[in-house]
Amino acid sequence: MAPPARRLAAAVVLALVLVLVARLAWPEPKVSPDAPLDPTVALRLTAWEEAAEVPLGVEGAWRLRDEEGVVLQEGYQLEGWLRADATGVQVGPYLTGRDRVRIEPAGDLALVVGDDRCPGVLDVGVVRDRDGPLGLTLVLELPLEDYVVGVVSAELSSGAPGIAAALEAQAVAARTWALWTLRRRGGPLRADPRDQAFAGAQRWTTAARDAVRATRGQVLTWNGDLLPAFFHAWCGGGTADAADMRFLDHDLPPLSGTADPECRDAERAWVEVVSAERLDRLARRLALGDWLRSIHAVDRDPHGRVLRFRLVGSERHLEVSGEELRARLGLPSSLWLSADLRPDGALVVRGRGRGHGIGLCQVGALRRARAGWDRDAILAHDYPGAVVAPASPAALRP
């Protein structure tokens, strides 16, 4: 064969190899019509909210696209920074000239954002004002079931023995709450306790993965519709009524509250001190005067959780919900056992519970799992009357 012919043949072989490598790196998705619902979830990485630069790594092949889907860059392996540049998003050494781009790895769990290994693709945007870039917004787009693994891993310590049923119950609750919130809000979930805590894949455990796999696609429903499946750390003696707590504007039987006397556990009671300065700032913020004279519980639920407080300031008074005051003062719960003013004006609060107290109690779920309860029994206790059923595409419709 003549040298030019050999070169031509070599070029053809090389082209075929490159096509094969590209196909291996970017496999075509195969979806069974009978596969459980596993939509993509948008998750705002709030730990990096408006950061000017973010450490980023990508393992294997990757593509960089703009908002229109145009491929701006392709590469293999990336280690560097995301930056909010005057010209747009900077990805490693690449100045994109765009205020919003998508980083699409070919492999699974190939993104490393900060110290977190993440599945999915990353949408990066620049936040600006008139003077220039303020920082970045990072939204991770990942499969629902991967998201639930991250939530279970973050919300419960999954390494202990005998708690598989609690992890499964948490997986069902987390999946349900995510779908309900996405349908209601439409925008991204937040990767923190304001929505649901989320852990990167380096913290995913085999037990958490098993729990999500065992409950794949399963959600809680009431009258055929998704249930707002709230959950919290520790009820302190009984779960709260979501309507009484003003989390819902109507009664919902599975979220009407249930007794759990074994969760009273006096040894877990907490004591917190709220400084006089913080109380005075609260009084001024609520236009009650320059200082707060007293705080009174006006109404409690059957388990002792304060539903309404009366705040008496130096000039006027105001009633607020128990959950609002808990959040404003940064206290573990609104289940107060005592509240005493010290001579220096600080407030000493003793209480039980952690979180809002609605829906699944994680402490109670763990205790019941160790006692031999299965997933459905745990869910039936904290969401009485709710039905566990496969999610359907209708779960995502407004």
Protein backbone atom coordinates (compact mmCIF):
# COMPACT_ATOMS: atom_id res chain seq x y z
CA MET A 1 0.00 0.00 0.00
CA ALA A 2 1.37 3.45 -0.94
CA PRO A 3 2.28 5.81 1.93
CA PRO A 4 -0.63 8.24 1.20
CA ALA A 5 -3.06 5.31 1.26
CA ARG A 6 -1.61 4.15 4.56
CA ARG A 7 -2.04 7.63 6.00
CA LEU A 8 -5.63 7.74 4.76
CA ALA A 9 -6.39 4.34 6.28
CA ALA A 10 -4.81 5.38 9.58
CA ALA A 11 -6.91 8.56 9.60
CA VAL A 12 -10.11 6.57 9.02
CA VAL A 13 -9.23 4.17 11.86
CA LEU A 14 -8.46 7.10 14.17
CA ALA A 15 -11.78 8.74 13.30
CA LEU A 16 -13.66 5.53 14.07
CA VAL A 17 -11.84 5.22 17.40
CA LEU A 18 -12.73 8.80 18.33
CA VAL A 19 -16.39 8.21 17.46
CA LEU A 20 -16.39 5.06 19.60
CA VAL A 21 -14.76 6.90 22.54
CA ALA A 22 -17.28 9.71 22.24
CA ARG A 23 -20.15 7.23 22.32
CA LEU A 24 -18.69 5.51 25.37
CA ALA A 25 -18.19 8.85 27.12
CA TRP A 26 -21.69 10.11 26.26
CA PRO A 27 -23.94 7.03 26.36
CA GLU A 28 -27.48 7.26 25.07
CA PRO A 29 -30.01 7.02 27.93
CA LYS A 30 -32.16 3.92 28.01
CA VAL A 31 -35.48 4.36 29.80
CA SER A 32 -37.93 1.56 30.34
CA PRO A 33 -41.59 2.59 30.05
CA ASP A 34 -42.21 0.70 33.29
CA ALA A 35 -39.42 2.46 35.22
CA PRO A 36 -40.44 4.30 38.41
CA LEU A 37 -40.76 8.07 38.21
CA ASP A 38 -37.28 9.61 38.63
CA PRO A 39 -37.49 13.23 37.47
CA THR A 40 -34.65 15.70 37.59
CA VAL A 41 -34.52 17.83 40.73
CA ALA A 42 -33.06 21.34 40.75
CA LEU A 43 -31.09 21.93 43.95
CA ARG A 44 -29.67 25.32 44.89
CA LEU A 45 -26.28 24.87 46.58
CA THR A 46 -26.91 27.49 49.25
CA ALA A 47 -23.53 26.97 50.93
CA TRP A 48 -22.04 28.86 47.96
CA GLU A 49 -24.75 31.50 47.63
CA GLU A 50 -23.22 34.54 45.90
CA ALA A 51 -19.64 33.37 46.54
CA ALA A 52 -17.19 35.14 44.23
CA GLU A 53 -15.29 31.92 43.56
CA VAL A 54 -15.95 28.23 44.14
CA PRO A 55 -13.51 25.28 43.95
CA LEU A 56 -14.54 22.95 41.13
CA GLY A 57 -13.36 19.62 39.79
CA VAL A 58 -14.72 17.40 37.03
CA GLU A 59 -13.54 13.84 36.52
CA GLY A 60 -13.55 12.41 33.01
CA ALA A 61 -15.08 13.97 29.91
CA TRP A 62 -17.19 17.13 30.21
CA ARG A 63 -18.97 19.72 28.11
CA LEU A 64 -19.68 23.37 28.75
CA ARG A 65 -22.86 24.80 27.23
CA ASP A 66 -24.55 28.20 27.24
CA GLU A 67 -28.24 28.87 27.90
CA GLU A 68 -29.11 28.14 24.28
CA GLY A 69 -27.47 24.71 24.45
CA VAL A 70 -24.49 25.73 22.32
CA VAL A 71 -21.33 23.79 23.24
CA LEU A 72 -18.69 26.32 24.29
CA GLN A 73 -15.95 23.94 25.34
CA GLU A 74 -15.20 20.24 25.71
CA GLY A 75 -12.48 18.66 27.76
CA TYR A 76 -11.25 15.80 29.87
CA GLN A 77 -10.53 16.31 33.58
CA LEU A 78 -10.83 19.76 35.13
CA GLU A 79 -9.50 21.14 38.37
CA GLY A 80 -9.73 24.81 39.21
CA TRP A 81 -12.25 27.46 40.20
CA LEU A 82 -15.57 28.89 39.16
CA ARG A 83 -15.38 32.68 39.24
CA ALA A 84 -17.74 35.58 38.67
CA ASP A 85 -15.75 37.50 36.05
CA ALA A 86 -16.69 40.88 34.63
CA THR A 87 -17.29 39.14 31.29
CA GLY A 88 -19.35 36.29 32.72
CA VAL A 89 -18.72 32.89 34.31
CA GLN A 90 -15.12 31.73 34.36
CA VAL A 91 -14.73 27.93 34.44
CA GLY A 92 -11.16 27.02 35.29
CA PRO A 93 -9.04 28.81 32.65
CA TYR A 94 -12.03 29.34 30.32
CA LEU A 95 -13.65 32.78 30.07
CA THR A 96 -17.09 31.91 28.75
CA GLY A 97 -18.39 35.41 28.06
CA ARG A 98 -21.78 34.21 29.33
CA ASP A 99 -23.65 35.03 32.54
CA ARG A 100 -25.08 31.52 32.70
CA VAL A 101 -23.54 28.20 31.68
CA ARG A 102 -24.02 24.47 32.26
CA ILE A 103 -21.24 22.06 33.12
CA GLU A 104 -22.18 18.57 31.92
CA PRO A 105 -19.94 15.68 33.01
CA ALA A 106 -20.14 12.44 31.02
CA GLY A 107 -19.81 10.24 34.10
CA ASP A 108 -21.86 9.78 37.25
CA LEU A 109 -20.70 11.48 40.47
CA ALA A 110 -18.04 13.27 38.43
CA LEU A 111 -18.57 16.80 39.79
CA VAL A 112 -16.67 17.99 42.86
CA VAL A 113 -17.97 21.31 44.20
CA GLY A 114 -15.89 22.46 47.14
CA ASP A 115 -15.47 19.25 49.13
CA ASP A 116 -18.72 17.69 47.90
CA ARG A 117 -18.87 15.03 45.21
CA CYS A 118 -22.12 15.46 43.30
CA PRO A 119 -24.20 13.64 40.69
CA GLY A 120 -25.86 15.44 37.81
CA VAL A 121 -25.01 18.64 35.95
CA LEU A 122 -24.23 22.09 37.32
CA ASP A 123 -25.96 25.28 36.24
CA VAL A 124 -23.81 28.32 37.09
CA GLY A 125 -24.98 31.93 36.95
CA VAL A 126 -23.48 35.34 37.72
CA VAL A 127 -25.32 37.71 40.08
CA ARG A 128 -24.75 41.35 39.12
CA ASP A 129 -25.63 44.87 40.14
CA ARG A 130 -24.83 48.13 38.35
CA ASP A 131 -21.23 48.03 39.58
CA GLY A 132 -20.46 44.55 38.29
CA PRO A 133 -20.55 40.90 39.41
CA LEU A 134 -21.51 40.19 43.04
CA GLY A 135 -21.06 36.44 43.01
CA LEU A 136 -22.34 33.14 41.68
CA THR A 137 -25.46 31.01 41.95
CA LEU A 138 -25.02 27.25 41.68
CA VAL A 139 -27.93 24.94 40.89
CA LEU A 140 -27.31 21.21 40.73
CA GLU A 141 -29.65 19.23 38.49
CA LEU A 142 -29.74 15.60 39.60
CA PRO A 143 -32.08 12.58 39.56
CA LEU A 144 -34.71 12.55 42.31
CA GLU A 145 -33.53 9.22 43.74
CA ASP A 146 -29.93 10.48 44.04
CA TYR A 147 -31.27 13.57 45.77
CA VAL A 148 -33.17 11.40 48.29
CA VAL A 149 -29.99 9.42 49.07
CA GLY A 150 -28.28 12.73 49.84
CA VAL A 151 -31.14 13.81 52.10
CA VAL A 152 -31.30 10.53 54.04
CA SER A 153 -27.51 10.61 54.50
CA ALA A 154 -27.67 14.19 55.82
CA GLU A 155 -30.80 13.93 57.96
CA LEU A 156 -30.06 10.68 59.84
CA SER A 157 -26.89 9.00 61.04
CA SER A 158 -27.26 5.81 59.02
CA GLY A 159 -24.33 3.80 60.36
CA ALA A 160 -26.07 2.43 63.46
CA PRO A 161 -27.46 -1.13 63.40
CA GLY A 162 -31.18 -1.95 63.49
CA ILE A 163 -32.49 1.29 61.95
CA ALA A 164 -33.20 0.26 58.34
CA ALA A 165 -36.96 0.81 58.79
CA ALA A 166 -36.37 4.38 60.04
CA LEU A 167 -34.14 5.12 57.07
CA GLU A 168 -36.80 3.79 54.71
CA ALA A 169 -39.46 5.91 56.41
CA GLN A 170 -37.21 8.96 56.08
CA ALA A 171 -36.64 8.19 52.39
CA VAL A 172 -40.39 8.06 51.70
CA ALA A 173 -40.98 11.30 53.63
CA ALA A 174 -38.09 13.11 51.93
CA ARG A 175 -39.15 12.02 48.44
CA THR A 176 -42.75 13.06 49.09
CA TRP A 177 -41.83 16.41 50.56
CA ALA A 178 -39.50 17.18 47.64
CA LEU A 179 -42.15 16.41 45.00
CA TRP A 180 -44.84 18.32 46.92
CA THR A 181 -42.57 21.35 47.30
CA LEU A 182 -41.41 21.33 43.68
CA ARG A 183 -45.00 21.14 42.47
CA ARG A 184 -46.03 23.95 44.78
CA ARG A 185 -43.02 26.24 44.34
CA GLY A 186 -41.77 25.42 40.87
CA GLY A 187 -38.26 26.68 41.64
CA PRO A 188 -35.18 24.90 42.98
CA LEU A 189 -35.05 23.22 46.36
CA ARG A 190 -32.48 24.55 48.82
CA ALA A 191 -29.70 22.26 50.02
CA ASP A 192 -30.17 23.18 53.68
CA PRO A 193 -32.73 22.62 56.49
CA ARG A 194 -35.02 25.37 55.20
CA ASP A 195 -36.03 22.68 52.70
CA GLN A 196 -34.06 19.48 53.36
CA ALA A 197 -30.43 19.02 54.32
CA PHE A 198 -28.39 17.38 51.57
CA ALA A 199 -25.03 15.58 51.78
CA GLY A 200 -22.54 15.14 48.97
CA ALA A 201 -21.88 11.61 47.73
CA GLN A 202 -18.72 11.24 49.82
CA ARG A 203 -21.09 10.99 52.83
CA TRP A 204 -23.58 8.58 51.26
CA THR A 205 -23.72 5.28 53.11
CA THR A 206 -24.66 1.81 51.97
CA ALA A 207 -27.55 1.85 54.45
CA ALA A 208 -28.92 5.10 52.99
CA ARG A 209 -28.61 3.78 49.44
CA ASP A 210 -30.37 0.55 50.45
CA ALA A 211 -33.22 2.51 52.08
CA VAL A 212 -33.77 4.59 48.95
CA ARG A 213 -33.57 1.53 46.71
CA ALA A 214 -36.10 -0.34 48.89
CA THR A 215 -38.58 2.54 48.64
CA ARG A 216 -37.85 3.66 45.08
CA GLY A 217 -40.64 5.84 43.75
CA GLN A 218 -42.79 5.48 46.88
CA VAL A 219 -44.56 8.55 48.29
CA LEU A 220 -47.14 9.40 50.93
CA THR A 221 -50.61 10.34 49.71
CA TRP A 222 -53.88 11.54 51.19
CA ASN A 223 -57.10 11.22 49.18
CA GLY A 224 -54.97 10.33 46.15
CA ASP A 225 -52.82 13.47 46.31
CA LEU A 226 -49.30 14.10 47.59
CA LEU A 227 -49.02 14.78 51.29
CA PRO A 228 -46.84 17.68 52.50
CA ALA A 229 -44.67 15.22 54.42
CA PHE A 230 -42.96 17.49 56.94
CA PHE A 231 -40.46 15.93 59.33
CA HIS A 232 -38.30 17.10 62.21
CA ALA A 233 -35.59 15.94 64.62
CA TRP A 234 -37.43 15.34 67.92
CA CYS A 235 -41.07 15.94 68.84
CA GLY A 236 -40.51 16.06 72.63
CA GLY A 237 -43.65 14.09 73.52
CA GLY A 238 -46.00 14.40 70.55
CA THR A 239 -46.14 15.79 67.05
CA ALA A 240 -47.86 19.07 66.19
CA ASP A 241 -50.94 19.91 64.15
CA ALA A 242 -49.71 21.58 60.95
CA ALA A 243 -52.78 23.84 60.78
CA ASP A 244 -52.38 24.96 64.41
CA MET A 245 -48.73 25.74 63.66
CA ARG A 246 -49.84 27.72 60.58
CA PHE A 247 -47.82 25.54 58.21
CA LEU A 248 -51.10 24.78 56.41
CA ASP A 249 -54.23 26.88 55.99
CA HIS A 250 -56.55 23.90 56.45
CA ASP A 251 -56.82 20.77 58.59
CA LEU A 252 -55.17 17.64 57.21
CA PRO A 253 -55.77 14.46 59.25
CA PRO A 254 -52.34 12.84 58.63
CA LEU A 255 -50.73 16.05 59.95
CA SER A 256 -53.06 16.67 62.88
CA GLY A 257 -50.50 15.50 65.44
CA THR A 258 -50.08 12.30 67.41
CA ALA A 259 -48.95 11.49 70.94
CA ASP A 260 -45.52 9.96 71.57
CA PRO A 261 -45.00 9.86 75.37
CA GLU A 262 -41.71 7.99 75.11
CA CYS A 263 -40.26 11.01 73.30
CA ARG A 264 -40.67 13.19 76.40
CA ASP A 265 -37.30 11.91 77.71
CA ALA A 266 -36.38 14.45 80.42
CA GLU A 267 -32.69 13.69 80.00
CA ARG A 268 -32.77 15.23 76.52
CA ALA A 269 -34.28 18.53 77.74
CA TRP A 270 -32.33 21.60 76.62
CA VAL A 271 -31.55 24.92 78.28
CA GLU A 272 -30.81 28.01 76.18
CA VAL A 273 -29.97 31.58 77.21
CA VAL A 274 -31.18 34.44 74.99
CA SER A 275 -29.20 37.60 75.67
CA ALA A 276 -30.84 40.88 76.65
CA GLU A 277 -29.29 42.49 73.57
CA ARG A 278 -31.00 39.98 71.29
CA LEU A 279 -34.34 40.49 73.03
CA ASP A 280 -33.99 44.28 72.70
CA ARG A 281 -33.17 43.97 68.99
CA LEU A 282 -36.29 41.85 68.56
CA ALA A 283 -38.41 44.47 70.33
CA ARG A 284 -37.11 47.21 68.05
CA ARG A 285 -37.52 45.07 64.92
CA LEU A 286 -41.17 44.41 65.80
CA ALA A 287 -41.76 48.08 66.76
CA LEU A 288 -42.57 47.17 70.37
CA GLY A 289 -40.24 49.79 71.86
CA ASP A 290 -36.61 49.84 72.90
CA TRP A 291 -36.73 46.72 75.01
CA LEU A 292 -38.80 43.63 75.71
CA ARG A 293 -40.50 43.55 79.11
CA SER A 294 -41.89 40.02 79.07
CA ILE A 295 -42.90 36.99 77.01
CA HIS A 296 -46.09 35.04 77.80
CA ALA A 297 -47.40 31.76 76.35
CA VAL A 298 -50.98 32.43 75.23
CA ASP A 299 -51.94 29.05 73.75
CA ARG A 300 -50.39 25.57 73.78
CA ASP A 301 -51.08 22.34 71.96
CA PRO A 302 -51.87 19.11 73.87
CA HIS A 303 -48.16 18.28 74.18
CA GLY A 304 -47.12 21.65 75.63
CA ARG A 305 -45.84 23.26 72.44
CA VAL A 306 -46.55 27.01 72.47
CA LEU A 307 -48.77 28.00 69.56
CA ARG A 308 -48.93 31.73 70.35
CA PHE A 309 -46.78 34.06 72.41
CA ARG A 310 -47.57 37.58 73.65
CA LEU A 311 -44.53 39.84 73.51
CA VAL A 312 -44.75 42.90 75.77
CA GLY A 313 -42.38 45.71 74.86
CA SER A 314 -41.64 49.03 76.47
CA GLU A 315 -44.27 50.74 74.27
CA ARG A 316 -46.71 48.13 72.94
CA HIS A 317 -47.42 44.41 72.79
CA LEU A 318 -47.89 41.91 69.99
CA GLU A 319 -48.92 38.27 69.55
CA VAL A 320 -46.77 36.05 67.33
CA SER A 321 -46.85 32.37 66.49
CA GLY A 322 -44.71 29.99 68.49
CA GLU A 323 -42.79 28.94 65.39
CA GLU A 324 -42.04 32.55 64.44
CA LEU A 325 -40.61 33.31 67.88
CA ARG A 326 -38.60 30.07 67.87
CA ALA A 327 -37.03 31.09 64.56
CA ARG A 328 -36.40 34.69 65.60
CA LEU A 329 -34.67 33.66 68.84
CA GLY A 330 -32.82 30.69 67.32
CA LEU A 331 -34.22 28.19 69.86
CA PRO A 332 -34.47 24.41 69.31
CA SER A 333 -38.29 24.26 69.53
CA SER A 334 -41.39 26.06 70.76
CA LEU A 335 -42.07 23.36 73.37
CA TRP A 336 -41.02 25.50 76.35
CA LEU A 337 -41.13 24.03 79.86
CA SER A 338 -40.08 27.26 81.58
CA ALA A 339 -38.87 30.76 80.70
CA ASP A 340 -37.26 33.01 83.32
CA LEU A 341 -35.80 36.51 83.03
CA ARG A 342 -32.45 36.96 84.74
CA PRO A 343 -31.53 40.21 86.55
CA ASP A 344 -29.31 41.16 83.58
CA GLY A 345 -32.33 40.96 81.24
CA ALA A 346 -31.38 37.67 79.57
CA LEU A 347 -34.05 34.99 79.09
CA VAL A 348 -33.36 31.44 80.27
CA VAL A 349 -35.54 28.91 78.43
CA ARG A 350 -35.81 25.22 79.23
CA GLY A 351 -37.60 22.98 76.77
CA ARG A 352 -37.95 19.74 74.84
CA GLY A 353 -37.97 18.87 71.17
CA ARG A 354 -35.97 20.01 68.17
CA GLY A 355 -37.55 21.45 65.05
CA HIS A 356 -41.11 22.45 64.25
CA GLY A 357 -42.59 19.16 65.50
CA ILE A 358 -44.77 18.40 62.45
CA GLY A 359 -44.89 14.97 60.76
CA LEU A 360 -42.18 12.34 61.10
CA CYS A 361 -40.22 12.51 64.37
CA GLN A 362 -36.72 11.21 63.63
CA VAL A 363 -35.94 10.31 67.26
CA GLY A 364 -39.22 8.42 67.49
CA ALA A 365 -38.68 6.68 64.14
CA LEU A 366 -35.25 5.46 65.20
CA ARG A 367 -36.61 4.18 68.52
CA ARG A 368 -39.47 2.35 66.82
CA ALA A 369 -37.16 0.81 64.21
CA ARG A 370 -34.93 -0.59 66.96
CA ALA A 371 -38.07 -1.98 68.62
CA GLY A 372 -38.90 -3.94 65.46
CA TRP A 373 -41.45 -1.68 63.75
CA ASP A 374 -41.35 -1.76 59.94
CA ARG A 375 -41.36 1.23 57.63
CA ASP A 376 -45.12 1.31 57.05
CA ALA A 377 -45.89 1.13 60.78
CA ILE A 378 -43.51 4.03 61.49
CA LEU A 379 -45.10 6.14 58.77
CA ALA A 380 -48.61 5.23 59.94
CA HIS A 381 -47.77 6.45 63.45
CA ASP A 382 -46.55 9.89 62.41
CA TYR A 383 -48.82 10.37 59.34
CA PRO A 384 -52.02 8.58 60.49
CA GLY A 385 -54.29 7.70 57.59
CA ALA A 386 -51.74 8.48 54.85
CA VAL A 387 -51.23 5.87 52.13
CA VAL A 388 -47.86 4.81 50.71
CA ALA A 389 -48.15 4.56 46.91
CA PRO A 390 -45.98 4.80 43.78
CA ALA A 391 -45.45 8.35 42.54
CA SER A 392 -46.91 9.16 39.13
CA PRO A 393 -46.23 11.90 36.56
CA ALA A 394 -49.26 13.69 38.00
CA ALA A 395 -47.19 14.29 41.15
CA LEU A 396 -45.24 16.93 39.25
CA ARG A 397 -48.22 18.78 37.77
CA PRO A 398 -49.36 22.01 39.47
